[in-house]
C-alpha cells in the first residue's frame, strides 16, 4: 500500500507504490493525480497526461487534474486547449498562485497581454517571494510595451534568484531589442553554458555578434540555433541580415521569405531589407512596391523616398555602335 511517510521518498519509489496499489485493484482517481504529479517532477509528461486523463474520466470534478493537464499543454504551446482546461479547473474550485501563473502564461502565449497582466499580478500578490511570477508579470508588461516596468520586475526576480534563467531570457531579449548589447551579453553567455540545447540563446548570441560585424561568427551561432529549432522565424531573419552583409542578396532573400512563411512580422526593418533584396537581385518592380509602401507608412524617413526615386529612374541601357555599314576604306 502506498505510504507517503516512507523514509525513501524519491519520486520513483512513490510511483512504484502507487502503481502497485492500482494494480491490486485499489483504483482511486486521486491516486492517478498524485502519480501524475510525480511523473511531472521527473519530466515524464506523457505518463502524467495518461494518468490525468484517467483521473478525469473516473471523476470529472477533480480541479487539480485539469490544472496539471493545462500546465503540460502550456509547455507544449497549446494555449487554446490550456485556457479551456483552466476554466474547468476554476469551475471545480481549484485556485492557487500557480494556477494564476499558468493562466498568465497561457494569455502571453495567445498575445492577450492585458489579461496576462491581470493574472500575473494576482500571482505576485499571492506569492511575492516567487521569482518566476515576476518574470511572468514582466512578460505581460513587455507585451503591452511597458518595458520600463518589465525591466524593474525582472530585477525583482533576480533579487530573489540571482541566476534565474527565465529572467535572463526576458531581460536579454529586451536589451537586445534596445541595442544594449553589452548588457545583454553576460546573460546570453550564461544561458548558452547552462542550456546549450536551447535555440533561443544561440539566436541571441548570433544577434550579439551581428551588432559587432562578426558576421561569420554570427552565422555559426544562427546555424546552430536552426539545428536545434528549425522552425523559429527569428533565426532566419538573422541569417537574412548576415547574408545581406556578405552581399549574397539572393540567399538573403531566400532566408527572409522563409522567415515570413514561419510567421515573422513584416515590420519596418524587415520590409526595408526585403525591398533592398528585391532591388539588388534585379526585381525592380517588387522593390518599387515595397519602397512605395514604406514612403506612405513612414513619411518621416527620407531614405525610403530616395530609394523609391532611384527605382523610378529608368535603367540606362548600353547604346549600340551605329556606324554606317558603308566603310570609307
C-alpha atoms as a PDB file:
ATOM      1  CA  UNK A   1       0.000   0.000   0.000  1.00  0.00           C
ATOM      2  CA  UNK A   2       1.273   3.475  -0.874  1.00  0.00           C
ATOM      3  CA  UNK A   3       2.531   5.455   2.094  1.00  0.00           C
ATOM      4  CA  UNK A   4       3.984   8.983   1.714  1.00  0.00           C
ATOM      5  CA  UNK A   5       5.688   8.598   5.103  1.00  0.00           C
ATOM      6  CA  UNK A   6       8.249   6.068   3.891  1.00  0.00           C
ATOM      7  CA  UNK A   7      11.878   7.015   4.571  1.00  0.00           C
ATOM      8  CA  UNK A   8      12.881   6.664   0.935  1.00  0.00           C
ATOM      9  CA  UNK A   9      10.806   9.460  -0.578  1.00  0.00           C
ATOM     10  CA  UNK A  10      12.157   9.546  -4.124  1.00  0.00           C
ATOM     11  CA  UNK A  11       9.549  10.024  -6.871  1.00  0.00           C
ATOM     12  CA  UNK A  12      10.431   6.634  -8.390  1.00  0.00           C
ATOM     13  CA  UNK A  13       9.651   4.821  -5.118  1.00  0.00           C
ATOM     14  CA  UNK A  14       6.345   6.643  -4.714  1.00  0.00           C
ATOM     15  CA  UNK A  15       5.401   5.913  -8.333  1.00  0.00           C
ATOM     16  CA  UNK A  16       6.069   2.206  -7.794  1.00  0.00           C
ATOM     17  CA  UNK A  17       3.990   2.172  -4.604  1.00  0.00           C
ATOM     18  CA  UNK A  18       1.022   3.838  -6.277  1.00  0.00           C
ATOM     19  CA  UNK A  19       1.335   1.622  -9.339  1.00  0.00           C
ATOM     20  CA  UNK A  20       1.331  -1.484  -7.158  1.00  0.00           C
ATOM     21  CA  UNK A  21      -1.772  -0.301  -5.300  1.00  0.00           C
ATOM     22  CA  UNK A  22      -3.591   0.448  -8.570  1.00  0.00           C
ATOM     23  CA  UNK A  23      -2.619  -2.955  -9.958  1.00  0.00           C
ATOM     24  CA  UNK A  24      -4.154  -4.593  -6.885  1.00  0.00           C
ATOM     25  CA  UNK A  25      -7.494  -3.007  -7.691  1.00  0.00           C
ATOM     26  CA  UNK A  26      -7.331  -0.043  -5.303  1.00  0.00           C
ATOM     27  CA  UNK A  27      -8.070   2.444  -8.064  1.00  0.00           C
ATOM     28  CA  UNK A  28      -8.897   5.935  -6.872  1.00  0.00           C
ATOM     29  CA  UNK A  29      -8.941   8.997  -9.163  1.00  0.00           C
ATOM     30  CA  UNK A  30      -6.855  10.972  -6.638  1.00  0.00           C
ATOM     31  CA  UNK A  31      -4.076   8.403  -6.892  1.00  0.00           C
ATOM     32  CA  UNK A  32      -3.794   8.938 -10.625  1.00  0.00           C
ATOM     33  CA  UNK A  33      -3.449  12.678  -9.942  1.00  0.00           C
ATOM     34  CA  UNK A  34      -0.730  12.002  -7.330  1.00  0.00           C
ATOM     35  CA  UNK A  35       1.153   9.738  -9.709  1.00  0.00           C
ATOM     36  CA  UNK A  36       0.807  12.323 -12.496  1.00  0.00           C
ATOM     37  CA  UNK A  37       2.324  14.955 -10.204  1.00  0.00           C
ATOM     38  CA  UNK A  38       5.250  12.617  -9.502  1.00  0.00           C
ATOM     39  CA  UNK A  39       5.732  11.889 -13.197  1.00  0.00           C
ATOM     40  CA  UNK A  40       5.869  15.638 -13.874  1.00  0.00           C
ATOM     41  CA  UNK A  41       8.519  16.072 -11.191  1.00  0.00           C
ATOM     42  CA  UNK A  42      10.834  13.754 -13.165  1.00  0.00           C
ATOM     43  CA  UNK A  43       9.925  15.098 -16.600  1.00  0.00           C
ATOM     44  CA  UNK A  44       7.686  12.244 -17.797  1.00  0.00           C
ATOM     45  CA  UNK A  45       4.904  14.325 -19.308  1.00  0.00           C
ATOM     46  CA  UNK A  46       3.448  11.555 -21.460  1.00  0.00           C
ATOM     47  CA  UNK A  47       2.796   9.246 -18.498  1.00  0.00           C
ATOM     48  CA  UNK A  48       1.459  12.161 -16.465  1.00  0.00           C
ATOM     49  CA  UNK A  49      -1.002  13.061 -19.209  1.00  0.00           C
ATOM     50  CA  UNK A  50      -2.299   9.489 -19.370  1.00  0.00           C
ATOM     51  CA  UNK A  51      -2.908   9.458 -15.623  1.00  0.00           C
ATOM     52  CA  UNK A  52      -4.663  12.817 -15.697  1.00  0.00           C
ATOM     53  CA  UNK A  53      -6.974  11.689 -18.500  1.00  0.00           C
ATOM     54  CA  UNK A  54      -7.810   8.587 -16.471  1.00  0.00           C
ATOM     55  CA  UNK A  55      -8.473  10.644 -13.341  1.00  0.00           C
ATOM     56  CA  UNK A  56     -10.814  12.995 -15.221  1.00  0.00           C
ATOM     57  CA  UNK A  57     -12.616  10.024 -16.770  1.00  0.00           C
ATOM     58  CA  UNK A  58     -13.114   8.486 -13.325  1.00  0.00           C
ATOM     59  CA  UNK A  59     -14.083  11.754 -11.605  1.00  0.00           C
ATOM     60  CA  UNK A  60     -14.712  14.848 -13.724  1.00  0.00           C
ATOM     61  CA  UNK A  61     -14.781  17.155 -10.668  1.00  0.00           C
ATOM     62  CA  UNK A  62     -11.076  16.992  -9.706  1.00  0.00           C
ATOM     63  CA  UNK A  63      -9.929  20.536 -10.407  1.00  0.00           C
ATOM     64  CA  UNK A  64      -6.235  19.784  -9.942  1.00  0.00           C
ATOM     65  CA  UNK A  65      -6.322  17.264 -12.786  1.00  0.00           C
ATOM     66  CA  UNK A  66      -7.415  19.981 -15.232  1.00  0.00           C
ATOM     67  CA  UNK A  67      -4.763  22.342 -13.864  1.00  0.00           C
ATOM     68  CA  UNK A  68      -1.928  19.827 -14.241  1.00  0.00           C
ATOM     69  CA  UNK A  69      -3.076  18.939 -17.740  1.00  0.00           C
ATOM     70  CA  UNK A  70      -3.152  22.650 -18.647  1.00  0.00           C
ATOM     71  CA  UNK A  71       0.376  23.007 -17.289  1.00  0.00           C
ATOM     72  CA  UNK A  72       1.576  20.287 -19.663  1.00  0.00           C
ATOM     73  CA  UNK A  73      -0.190  21.846 -22.644  1.00  0.00           C
ATOM     74  CA  UNK A  74       1.258  25.303 -21.904  1.00  0.00           C
ATOM     75  CA  UNK A  75       4.740  23.773 -22.045  1.00  0.00           C
ATOM     76  CA  UNK A  76       3.760  22.365 -25.457  1.00  0.00           C
ATOM     77  CA  UNK A  77       2.459  25.803 -26.521  1.00  0.00           C
ATOM     78  CA  UNK A  78      -1.102  24.501 -26.929  1.00  0.00           C
ATOM     79  CA  UNK A  79      -2.566  27.648 -25.456  1.00  0.00           C
ATOM     80  CA  UNK A  80      -6.191  27.416 -26.580  1.00  0.00           C
ATOM     81  CA  UNK A  81      -6.624  23.969 -25.038  1.00  0.00           C
ATOM     82  CA  UNK A  82      -4.808  25.098 -21.912  1.00  0.00           C
ATOM     83  CA  UNK A  83      -7.198  28.013 -21.488  1.00  0.00           C
ATOM     84  CA  UNK A  84     -10.230  25.698 -21.699  1.00  0.00           C
ATOM     85  CA  UNK A  85      -8.739  23.366 -19.090  1.00  0.00           C
ATOM     86  CA  UNK A  86      -8.005  26.244 -16.723  1.00  0.00           C
ATOM     87  CA  UNK A  87     -11.623  27.358 -16.984  1.00  0.00           C
ATOM     88  CA  UNK A  88     -12.660  23.842 -15.946  1.00  0.00           C
ATOM     89  CA  UNK A  89     -10.164  23.821 -13.075  1.00  0.00           C
ATOM     90  CA  UNK A  90     -11.630  27.075 -11.828  1.00  0.00           C
ATOM     91  CA  UNK A  91     -15.174  25.719 -12.216  1.00  0.00           C
ATOM     92  CA  UNK A  92     -14.258  22.952  -9.775  1.00  0.00           C
ATOM     93  CA  UNK A  93     -12.753  25.445  -7.301  1.00  0.00           C
ATOM     94  CA  UNK A  94      -9.083  24.791  -7.945  1.00  0.00           C
ATOM     95  CA  UNK A  95      -7.270  28.036  -7.232  1.00  0.00           C
ATOM     96  CA  UNK A  96      -3.601  28.619  -6.281  1.00  0.00           C
ATOM     97  CA  UNK A  97      -0.905  31.190  -7.092  1.00  0.00           C
ATOM     98  CA  UNK A  98       0.434  28.778  -9.700  1.00  0.00           C
ATOM     99  CA  UNK A  99      -2.972  28.451 -11.353  1.00  0.00           C
ATOM    100  CA  UNK A 100      -2.930  32.229 -11.815  1.00  0.00           C
ATOM    101  CA  UNK A 101       0.583  31.908 -13.248  1.00  0.00           C
ATOM    102  CA  UNK A 102      -0.490  29.232 -15.748  1.00  0.00           C
ATOM    103  CA  UNK A 103      -3.367  31.453 -16.862  1.00  0.00           C
ATOM    104  CA  UNK A 104      -0.917  34.336 -17.262  1.00  0.00           C
ATOM    105  CA  UNK A 105       1.432  32.195 -19.324  1.00  0.00           C
ATOM    106  CA  UNK A 106      -1.495  30.986 -21.441  1.00  0.00           C
ATOM    107  CA  UNK A 107      -2.588  34.536 -22.240  1.00  0.00           C
ATOM    108  CA  UNK A 108       1.001  35.583 -23.008  1.00  0.00           C
ATOM    109  CA  UNK A 109       1.109  32.703 -25.495  1.00  0.00           C
ATOM    110  CA  UNK A 110      -2.148  33.936 -27.025  1.00  0.00           C
ATOM    111  CA  UNK A 111      -0.758  37.506 -27.051  1.00  0.00           C
ATOM    112  CA  UNK A 112      -3.637  38.694 -24.887  1.00  0.00           C
ATOM    113  CA  UNK A 113      -1.289  40.738 -22.736  1.00  0.00           C
ATOM    114  CA  UNK A 114      -3.852  42.728 -20.756  1.00  0.00           C
ATOM    115  CA  UNK A 115      -5.397  39.521 -19.462  1.00  0.00           C
ATOM    116  CA  UNK A 116      -1.945  38.091 -18.791  1.00  0.00           C
ATOM    117  CA  UNK A 117      -1.147  41.249 -16.819  1.00  0.00           C
ATOM    118  CA  UNK A 118      -4.167  40.732 -14.568  1.00  0.00           C
ATOM    119  CA  UNK A 119      -3.375  37.092 -13.752  1.00  0.00           C
ATOM    120  CA  UNK A 120       0.379  37.570 -13.320  1.00  0.00           C
ATOM    121  CA  UNK A 121      -0.265  40.486 -10.938  1.00  0.00           C
ATOM    122  CA  UNK A 122      -2.521  38.238  -8.850  1.00  0.00           C
ATOM    123  CA  UNK A 123       0.149  35.514  -8.783  1.00  0.00           C
ATOM    124  CA  UNK A 124       2.732  38.006  -7.490  1.00  0.00           C
ATOM    125  CA  UNK A 125       0.350  39.280  -4.796  1.00  0.00           C
ATOM    126  CA  UNK A 126      -0.485  35.739  -3.657  1.00  0.00           C
ATOM    127  CA  UNK A 127       3.166  34.644  -3.577  1.00  0.00           C
ATOM    128  CA  UNK A 128       5.540  37.665  -3.590  1.00  0.00           C
ATOM    129  CA  UNK A 129       8.633  35.571  -2.930  1.00  0.00           C
ATOM    130  CA  UNK A 130       8.387  33.512  -6.129  1.00  0.00           C
ATOM    131  CA  UNK A 131      10.825  34.752  -8.835  1.00  0.00           C
ATOM    132  CA  UNK A 132       9.037  33.115 -11.771  1.00  0.00           C
ATOM    133  CA  UNK A 133       5.865  35.098 -11.081  1.00  0.00           C
ATOM    134  CA  UNK A 134       7.787  38.364 -11.519  1.00  0.00           C
ATOM    135  CA  UNK A 135       9.110  37.028 -14.818  1.00  0.00           C
ATOM    136  CA  UNK A 136       5.562  36.324 -15.991  1.00  0.00           C
ATOM    137  CA  UNK A 137       4.469  39.797 -14.934  1.00  0.00           C
ATOM    138  CA  UNK A 138       7.406  41.245 -16.881  1.00  0.00           C
ATOM    139  CA  UNK A 139       6.436  39.221 -19.988  1.00  0.00           C
ATOM    140  CA  UNK A 140       2.931  40.660 -19.852  1.00  0.00           C
ATOM    141  CA  UNK A 141       4.249  44.187 -19.350  1.00  0.00           C
ATOM    142  CA  UNK A 142       6.717  43.839 -22.215  1.00  0.00           C
ATOM    143  CA  UNK A 143       3.845  42.605 -24.378  1.00  0.00           C
ATOM    144  CA  UNK A 144       1.919  45.811 -23.679  1.00  0.00           C
ATOM    145  CA  UNK A 145       5.023  47.877 -24.473  1.00  0.00           C
ATOM    146  CA  UNK A 146       5.779  48.784 -20.854  1.00  0.00           C
ATOM    147  CA  UNK A 147       9.437  47.760 -20.903  1.00  0.00           C
ATOM    148  CA  UNK A 148      10.361  50.074 -18.012  1.00  0.00           C
ATOM    149  CA  UNK A 149       8.156  48.178 -15.557  1.00  0.00           C
ATOM    150  CA  UNK A 150       9.131  44.877 -17.187  1.00  0.00           C
ATOM    151  CA  UNK A 151      12.822  45.540 -16.516  1.00  0.00           C
ATOM    152  CA  UNK A 152      12.020  46.564 -12.927  1.00  0.00           C
ATOM    153  CA  UNK A 153      10.134  43.319 -12.273  1.00  0.00           C
ATOM    154  CA  UNK A 154      12.871  41.232 -13.857  1.00  0.00           C
ATOM    155  CA  UNK A 155      15.212  42.964 -11.416  1.00  0.00           C
ATOM    156  CA  UNK A 156      12.943  41.814  -8.580  1.00  0.00           C
ATOM    157  CA  UNK A 157      13.076  38.260  -9.907  1.00  0.00           C
ATOM    158  CA  UNK A 158      16.874  38.403  -9.942  1.00  0.00           C
ATOM    159  CA  UNK A 159      16.925  39.762  -6.385  1.00  0.00           C
ATOM    160  CA  UNK A 160      15.221  36.525  -5.343  1.00  0.00           C
ATOM    161  CA  UNK A 161      17.228  34.266  -7.664  1.00  0.00           C
ATOM    162  CA  UNK A 162      20.460  35.787  -8.994  1.00  0.00           C
ATOM    163  CA  UNK A 163      20.824  33.098 -11.680  1.00  0.00           C
ATOM    164  CA  UNK A 164      17.209  32.915 -12.855  1.00  0.00           C
ATOM    165  CA  UNK A 165      17.482  31.785 -16.468  1.00  0.00           C
ATOM    166  CA  UNK A 166      13.854  32.781 -17.253  1.00  0.00           C
ATOM    167  CA  UNK A 167      14.681  36.297 -16.006  1.00  0.00           C
ATOM    168  CA  UNK A 168      17.922  36.335 -18.018  1.00  0.00           C
ATOM    169  CA  UNK A 169      15.954  35.218 -21.058  1.00  0.00           C
ATOM    170  CA  UNK A 170      13.410  38.038 -20.903  1.00  0.00           C
ATOM    171  CA  UNK A 171      15.868  40.727 -19.850  1.00  0.00           C
ATOM    172  CA  UNK A 172      18.367  39.827 -22.574  1.00  0.00           C
ATOM    173  CA  UNK A 173      15.575  39.954 -25.180  1.00  0.00           C
ATOM    174  CA  UNK A 174      14.598  43.451 -24.031  1.00  0.00           C
ATOM    175  CA  UNK A 175      18.218  44.633 -24.007  1.00  0.00           C
ATOM    176  CA  UNK A 176      18.838  43.183 -27.476  1.00  0.00           C
ATOM    177  CA  UNK A 177      15.760  44.963 -28.832  1.00  0.00           C
ATOM    178  CA  UNK A 178      17.043  48.188 -27.269  1.00  0.00           C
ATOM    179  CA  UNK A 179      20.512  47.568 -28.761  1.00  0.00           C
ATOM    180  CA  UNK A 180      22.051  47.370 -25.281  1.00  0.00           C
ATOM    181  CA  UNK A 181      24.232  44.508 -26.429  1.00  0.00           C
ATOM    182  CA  UNK A 182      26.939  44.724 -23.780  1.00  0.00           C
ATOM    183  CA  UNK A 183      24.340  44.477 -21.015  1.00  0.00           C
ATOM    184  CA  UNK A 184      22.643  41.523 -22.696  1.00  0.00           C
ATOM    185  CA  UNK A 185      25.794  39.533 -23.425  1.00  0.00           C
ATOM    186  CA  UNK A 186      26.634  38.260 -19.892  1.00  0.00           C
ATOM    187  CA  UNK A 187      23.117  36.821 -19.553  1.00  0.00           C
ATOM    188  CA  UNK A 188      23.244  35.245 -23.006  1.00  0.00           C
ATOM    189  CA  UNK A 189      26.655  33.761 -22.207  1.00  0.00           C
ATOM    190  CA  UNK A 190      25.283  32.161 -19.028  1.00  0.00           C
ATOM    191  CA  UNK A 191      22.276  30.867 -20.978  1.00  0.00           C
ATOM    192  CA  UNK A 192      24.443  29.230 -23.645  1.00  0.00           C
ATOM    193  CA  UNK A 193      26.536  27.500 -20.974  1.00  0.00           C
ATOM    194  CA  UNK A 194      23.611  26.404 -18.797  1.00  0.00           C
ATOM    195  CA  UNK A 195      21.175  25.479 -21.588  1.00  0.00           C
ATOM    196  CA  UNK A 196      23.274  24.642 -24.662  1.00  0.00           C
ATOM    197  CA  UNK A 197      20.364  22.830 -26.313  1.00  0.00           C
ATOM    198  CA  UNK A 198      18.070  25.851 -26.158  1.00  0.00           C
ATOM    199  CA  UNK A 199      17.976  27.525 -29.582  1.00  0.00           C
ATOM    200  CA  UNK A 200      16.981  30.874 -28.068  1.00  0.00           C
ATOM    201  CA  UNK A 201      20.407  31.506 -26.535  1.00  0.00           C
ATOM    202  CA  UNK A 202      22.260  30.721 -29.767  1.00  0.00           C
ATOM    203  CA  UNK A 203      19.940  33.059 -31.659  1.00  0.00           C
ATOM    204  CA  UNK A 204      20.647  35.828 -29.150  1.00  0.00           C
ATOM    205  CA  UNK A 205      24.373  35.135 -29.380  1.00  0.00           C
ATOM    206  CA  UNK A 206      24.140  35.488 -33.156  1.00  0.00           C
ATOM    207  CA  UNK A 207      22.457  38.888 -32.784  1.00  0.00           C
ATOM    208  CA  UNK A 208      25.230  39.996 -30.441  1.00  0.00           C
ATOM    209  CA  UNK A 209      27.935  39.067 -32.966  1.00  0.00           C
ATOM    210  CA  UNK A 210      25.988  40.760 -35.781  1.00  0.00           C
ATOM    211  CA  UNK A 211      25.972  44.000 -33.798  1.00  0.00           C
ATOM    212  CA  UNK A 212      29.769  43.974 -33.876  1.00  0.00           C
ATOM    213  CA  UNK A 213      30.046  42.964 -37.562  1.00  0.00           C
ATOM    214  CA  UNK A 214      31.360  39.496 -36.704  1.00  0.00           C
ATOM    215  CA  UNK A 215      29.205  38.114 -39.491  1.00  0.00           C
ATOM    216  CA  UNK A 216      30.749  34.650 -39.903  1.00  0.00           C
ATOM    217  CA  UNK A 217      30.680  34.011 -36.144  1.00  0.00           C
ATOM    218  CA  UNK A 218      27.084  35.219 -36.036  1.00  0.00           C
ATOM    219  CA  UNK A 219      26.137  32.846 -38.859  1.00  0.00           C
ATOM    220  CA  UNK A 220      27.686  29.916 -36.996  1.00  0.00           C
ATOM    221  CA  UNK A 221      25.506  30.767 -33.974  1.00  0.00           C
ATOM    222  CA  UNK A 222      22.388  31.162 -36.112  1.00  0.00           C
ATOM    223  CA  UNK A 223      23.006  27.852 -37.870  1.00  0.00           C
ATOM    224  CA  UNK A 224      23.406  26.122 -34.503  1.00  0.00           C
ATOM    225  CA  UNK A 225      20.060  27.620 -33.482  1.00  0.00           C
ATOM    226  CA  UNK A 226      18.436  26.305 -36.680  1.00  0.00           C
ATOM    227  CA  UNK A 227      19.804  22.847 -35.956  1.00  0.00           C
ATOM    228  CA  UNK A 228      18.152  22.895 -32.519  1.00  0.00           C
ATOM    229  CA  UNK A 229      14.882  24.568 -33.565  1.00  0.00           C
ATOM    230  CA  UNK A 230      14.379  24.652 -37.348  1.00  0.00           C
ATOM    231  CA  UNK A 231      11.007  26.433 -37.382  1.00  0.00           C
ATOM    232  CA  UNK A 232      11.810  29.614 -35.450  1.00  0.00           C
ATOM    233  CA  UNK A 233      11.334  32.651 -37.740  1.00  0.00           C
ATOM    234  CA  UNK A 234      13.686  34.982 -35.846  1.00  0.00           C
ATOM    235  CA  UNK A 235      16.785  32.976 -36.670  1.00  0.00           C
ATOM    236  CA  UNK A 236      16.045  33.143 -40.418  1.00  0.00           C
ATOM    237  CA  UNK A 237      15.771  36.916 -40.122  1.00  0.00           C
ATOM    238  CA  UNK A 238      19.227  36.889 -38.540  1.00  0.00           C
ATOM    239  CA  UNK A 239      20.600  34.744 -41.353  1.00  0.00           C
ATOM    240  CA  UNK A 240      18.977  37.034 -43.942  1.00  0.00           C
ATOM    241  CA  UNK A 241      20.724  40.031 -42.385  1.00  0.00           C
ATOM    242  CA  UNK A 242      24.018  38.144 -42.316  1.00  0.00           C
ATOM    243  CA  UNK A 243      23.826  37.065 -45.964  1.00  0.00           C
ATOM    244  CA  UNK A 244      22.901  40.624 -46.954  1.00  0.00           C
ATOM    245  CA  UNK A 245      26.017  41.918 -45.194  1.00  0.00           C
ATOM    246  CA  UNK A 246      28.046  39.390 -47.173  1.00  0.00           C
ATOM    247  CA  UNK A 247      26.412  40.738 -50.369  1.00  0.00           C
ATOM    248  CA  UNK A 248      24.783  37.394 -51.072  1.00  0.00           C
ATOM    249  CA  UNK A 249      21.448  39.003 -51.857  1.00  0.00           C
ATOM    250  CA  UNK A 250      19.665  36.000 -53.336  1.00  0.00           C
ATOM    251  CA  UNK A 251      20.474  33.935 -50.235  1.00  0.00           C
ATOM    252  CA  UNK A 252      19.369  36.824 -48.026  1.00  0.00           C
ATOM    253  CA  UNK A 253      16.050  36.929 -49.890  1.00  0.00           C
ATOM    254  CA  UNK A 254      15.565  33.159 -49.545  1.00  0.00           C
ATOM    255  CA  UNK A 255      16.021  33.338 -45.777  1.00  0.00           C
ATOM    256  CA  UNK A 256      13.783  36.384 -45.480  1.00  0.00           C
ATOM    257  CA  UNK A 257      10.986  34.611 -47.362  1.00  0.00           C
ATOM    258  CA  UNK A 258      11.445  31.569 -45.112  1.00  0.00           C
ATOM    259  CA  UNK A 259      11.122  33.790 -42.033  1.00  0.00           C
ATOM    260  CA  UNK A 260       7.871  35.242 -43.407  1.00  0.00           C
ATOM    261  CA  UNK A 261       6.490  31.766 -44.125  1.00  0.00           C
ATOM    262  CA  UNK A 262       7.137  30.867 -40.476  1.00  0.00           C
ATOM    263  CA  UNK A 263       5.286  33.936 -39.228  1.00  0.00           C
ATOM    264  CA  UNK A 264       7.898  36.694 -38.925  1.00  0.00           C
ATOM    265  CA  UNK A 265       6.199  40.112 -38.954  1.00  0.00           C
ATOM    266  CA  UNK A 266       6.825  42.326 -41.940  1.00  0.00           C
ATOM    267  CA  UNK A 267       7.709  45.353 -39.821  1.00  0.00           C
ATOM    268  CA  UNK A 268       9.602  48.446 -40.984  1.00  0.00           C
ATOM    269  CA  UNK A 269      13.080  46.937 -40.651  1.00  0.00           C
ATOM    270  CA  UNK A 270      12.182  43.643 -42.322  1.00  0.00           C
ATOM    271  CA  UNK A 271      10.277  45.326 -45.150  1.00  0.00           C
ATOM    272  CA  UNK A 272      13.232  47.601 -45.911  1.00  0.00           C
ATOM    273  CA  UNK A 273      15.526  44.578 -46.010  1.00  0.00           C
ATOM    274  CA  UNK A 274      13.053  42.835 -48.328  1.00  0.00           C
ATOM    275  CA  UNK A 275      12.933  45.874 -50.630  1.00  0.00           C
ATOM    276  CA  UNK A 276      16.710  46.027 -50.861  1.00  0.00           C
ATOM    277  CA  UNK A 277      16.931  42.286 -51.539  1.00  0.00           C
ATOM    278  CA  UNK A 278      14.467  42.710 -54.413  1.00  0.00           C
ATOM    279  CA  UNK A 279      16.428  45.705 -55.695  1.00  0.00           C
ATOM    280  CA  UNK A 280      19.823  44.013 -55.583  1.00  0.00           C
ATOM    281  CA  UNK A 281      18.528  40.823 -57.216  1.00  0.00           C
ATOM    282  CA  UNK A 282      17.138  42.856 -60.118  1.00  0.00           C
ATOM    283  CA  UNK A 283      13.445  42.609 -59.185  1.00  0.00           C
ATOM    284  CA  UNK A 284      12.810  46.330 -59.550  1.00  0.00           C
ATOM    285  CA  UNK A 285       9.000  46.237 -59.708  1.00  0.00           C
ATOM    286  CA  UNK A 286       8.772  44.285 -56.461  1.00  0.00           C
ATOM    287  CA  UNK A 287      11.319  46.591 -54.855  1.00  0.00           C
ATOM    288  CA  UNK A 288       9.370  49.646 -56.039  1.00  0.00           C
ATOM    289  CA  UNK A 289       6.200  48.332 -54.400  1.00  0.00           C
ATOM    290  CA  UNK A 290       7.922  47.821 -51.059  1.00  0.00           C
ATOM    291  CA  UNK A 291       9.623  51.228 -51.124  1.00  0.00           C
ATOM    292  CA  UNK A 292       6.306  52.907 -52.024  1.00  0.00           C
ATOM    293  CA  UNK A 293       4.657  51.257 -49.007  1.00  0.00           C
ATOM    294  CA  UNK A 294       7.471  52.450 -46.737  1.00  0.00           C
ATOM    295  CA  UNK A 295       7.156  56.009 -48.038  1.00  0.00           C
ATOM    296  CA  UNK A 296       3.408  56.025 -47.287  1.00  0.00           C
ATOM    297  CA  UNK A 297       3.760  54.357 -43.891  1.00  0.00           C
ATOM    298  CA  UNK A 298       6.872  56.179 -42.672  1.00  0.00           C
ATOM    299  CA  UNK A 299       6.995  59.552 -44.499  1.00  0.00           C
ATOM    300  CA  UNK A 300       9.319  60.981 -41.854  1.00  0.00           C
ATOM    301  CA  UNK A 301      12.173  58.731 -43.046  1.00  0.00           C
ATOM    302  CA  UNK A 302      13.778  60.311 -46.152  1.00  0.00           C
ATOM    303  CA  UNK A 303      15.808  57.263 -47.181  1.00  0.00           C
ATOM    304  CA  UNK A 304      12.666  55.484 -48.408  1.00  0.00           C
ATOM    305  CA  UNK A 305      11.817  58.308 -50.821  1.00  0.00           C
ATOM    306  CA  UNK A 306      15.402  58.355 -52.071  1.00  0.00           C
ATOM    307  CA  UNK A 307      15.232  54.604 -52.717  1.00  0.00           C
ATOM    308  CA  UNK A 308      11.838  54.906 -54.439  1.00  0.00           C
ATOM    309  CA  UNK A 309      13.057  57.675 -56.747  1.00  0.00           C
ATOM    310  CA  UNK A 310      16.022  55.531 -57.696  1.00  0.00           C
ATOM    311  CA  UNK A 311      13.609  52.730 -58.619  1.00  0.00           C
ATOM    312  CA  UNK A 312      11.561  55.149 -60.754  1.00  0.00           C
ATOM    313  CA  UNK A 313      14.609  56.240 -62.743  1.00  0.00           C
ATOM    314  CA  UNK A 314      14.851  54.197 -65.968  1.00  0.00           C
ATOM    315  CA  UNK A 315      17.823  51.896 -66.183  1.00  0.00           C
ATOM    316  CA  UNK A 316      20.268  53.180 -68.769  1.00  0.00           C
ATOM    317  CA  UNK A 317      20.885  50.562 -71.387  1.00  0.00           C
ATOM    318  CA  UNK A 318      24.215  50.434 -73.252  1.00  0.00           C
ATOM    319  CA  UNK A 319      23.994  52.091 -76.692  1.00  0.00           C
ATOM    320  CA  UNK A 320      24.841  50.034 -79.758  1.00  0.00           C
ATOM    321  CA  UNK A 321      27.507  51.127 -82.236  1.00  0.00           C
ATOM    322  CA  UNK A 322      25.542  52.523 -85.199  1.00  0.00           C
ATOM    323  CA  UNK A 323      28.350  53.197 -87.663  1.00  0.00           C
ATOM    324  CA  UNK A 324      27.290  53.031 -91.273  1.00  0.00           C
ATOM    325  CA  UNK A 325      27.766  49.723 -92.980  1.00  0.00           C
ATOM    326  CA  UNK A 326      29.430  51.590 -95.841  1.00  0.00           C
ATOM    327  CA  UNK A 327      33.071  51.768 -94.960  1.00  0.00           C
ATOM    328  CA  UNK A 328      35.263  54.537 -96.243  1.00  0.00           C
ATOM    329  CA  UNK A 329      38.056  52.060 -96.634  1.00  0.00           C
END
